[in-house]
C-alpha atoms as a PDB file:
ATOM      1  CA  UNK A   1      -9.820  -6.747  -4.722  1.00  0.00           C
ATOM      2  CA  UNK A   2      -8.744  -3.280  -4.182  1.00  0.00           C
ATOM      3  CA  UNK A   3     -10.646  -0.075  -3.296  1.00  0.00           C
ATOM      4  CA  UNK A   4     -11.714   0.899  -6.508  1.00  0.00           C
ATOM      5  CA  UNK A   5     -13.065  -1.827  -7.330  1.00  0.00           C
ATOM      6  CA  UNK A   6     -14.954  -2.356  -3.992  1.00  0.00           C
ATOM      7  CA  UNK A   7     -16.047   1.144  -4.457  1.00  0.00           C
ATOM      8  CA  UNK A   8     -17.162  -0.018  -8.326  1.00  0.00           C
ATOM      9  CA  UNK A   9     -18.786  -2.580  -7.132  1.00  0.00           C
ATOM     10  CA  UNK A  10     -20.385  -1.229  -4.119  1.00  0.00           C
ATOM     11  CA  UNK A  11     -22.314   0.994  -6.363  1.00  0.00           C
ATOM     12  CA  UNK A  12     -23.222  -1.796  -8.611  1.00  0.00           C
ATOM     13  CA  UNK A  13     -25.445  -3.191  -5.315  1.00  0.00           C
ATOM     14  CA  UNK A  14     -27.110  -0.352  -4.706  1.00  0.00           C
ATOM     15  CA  UNK A  15     -24.967   0.894  -2.223  1.00  0.00           C
ATOM     16  CA  UNK A  16     -25.534   4.476  -0.800  1.00  0.00           C
ATOM     17  CA  UNK A  17     -21.967   6.753  -0.522  1.00  0.00           C
ATOM     18  CA  UNK A  18     -22.955   8.147   3.122  1.00  0.00           C
ATOM     19  CA  UNK A  19     -23.070   3.622   3.597  1.00  0.00           C
ATOM     20  CA  UNK A  20     -19.517   3.716   0.931  1.00  0.00           C
ATOM     21  CA  UNK A  21     -17.632   6.132   2.619  1.00  0.00           C
ATOM     22  CA  UNK A  22     -17.875   4.445   6.107  1.00  0.00           C
ATOM     23  CA  UNK A  23     -16.743   1.618   5.262  1.00  0.00           C
ATOM     24  CA  UNK A  24     -13.624   3.004   3.343  1.00  0.00           C
ATOM     25  CA  UNK A  25     -13.408   5.019   6.592  1.00  0.00           C
ATOM     26  CA  UNK A  26     -12.851   2.194   8.818  1.00  0.00           C
ATOM     27  CA  UNK A  27     -10.914  -0.064   6.624  1.00  0.00           C
ATOM     28  CA  UNK A  28      -8.652   3.141   6.471  1.00  0.00           C
ATOM     29  CA  UNK A  29      -8.195   3.359   9.495  1.00  0.00           C
ATOM     30  CA  UNK A  30      -7.972  -0.973  10.296  1.00  0.00           C
ATOM     31  CA  UNK A  31      -4.888  -0.371   7.301  1.00  0.00           C
ATOM     32  CA  UNK A  32      -3.510   2.307   9.611  1.00  0.00           C
ATOM     33  CA  UNK A  33      -3.313   0.499  12.451  1.00  0.00           C
ATOM     34  CA  UNK A  34      -1.535  -2.431  10.492  1.00  0.00           C
ATOM     35  CA  UNK A  35      -4.796  -4.633  10.105  1.00  0.00           C
ATOM     36  CA  UNK A  36      -4.919  -6.605   6.959  1.00  0.00           C
ATOM     37  CA  UNK A  37      -8.397  -5.182   4.780  1.00  0.00           C
ATOM     38  CA  UNK A  38     -10.318  -7.695   2.620  1.00  0.00           C
ATOM     39  CA  UNK A  39     -12.307  -4.908   0.854  1.00  0.00           C
ATOM     40  CA  UNK A  40     -14.636  -7.706  -0.056  1.00  0.00           C
ATOM     41  CA  UNK A  41     -15.782  -9.059   2.834  1.00  0.00           C
ATOM     42  CA  UNK A  42     -17.946  -5.415   3.712  1.00  0.00           C
ATOM     43  CA  UNK A  43     -19.997  -6.727   0.058  1.00  0.00           C
ATOM     44  CA  UNK A  44     -23.292  -7.939   0.923  1.00  0.00           C
ATOM     45  CA  UNK A  45     -25.795  -7.958  -1.236  1.00  0.00           C
ATOM     46  CA  UNK A  46     -28.649  -5.276   0.255  1.00  0.00           C
ATOM     47  CA  UNK A  47     -32.127  -6.209   1.098  1.00  0.00           C
ATOM     48  CA  UNK A  48     -34.286  -3.901  -0.669  1.00  0.00           C
ATOM     49  CA  UNK A  49     -35.812  -1.808   1.638  1.00  0.00           C
ATOM     50  CA  UNK A  50     -39.571   0.242   0.458  1.00  0.00           C
END
């Protein structure tokens, strides 16, 4: 799964844009350090809150 697929799936799962941006920022920082990134690991079904 690439970054674009991650964004599409995150939106489907109800992630806020702020959360998506934070995850992208963290993953890109890891990649810059040479750490392999699995975008799918960041996708979980979030609980519904009122």
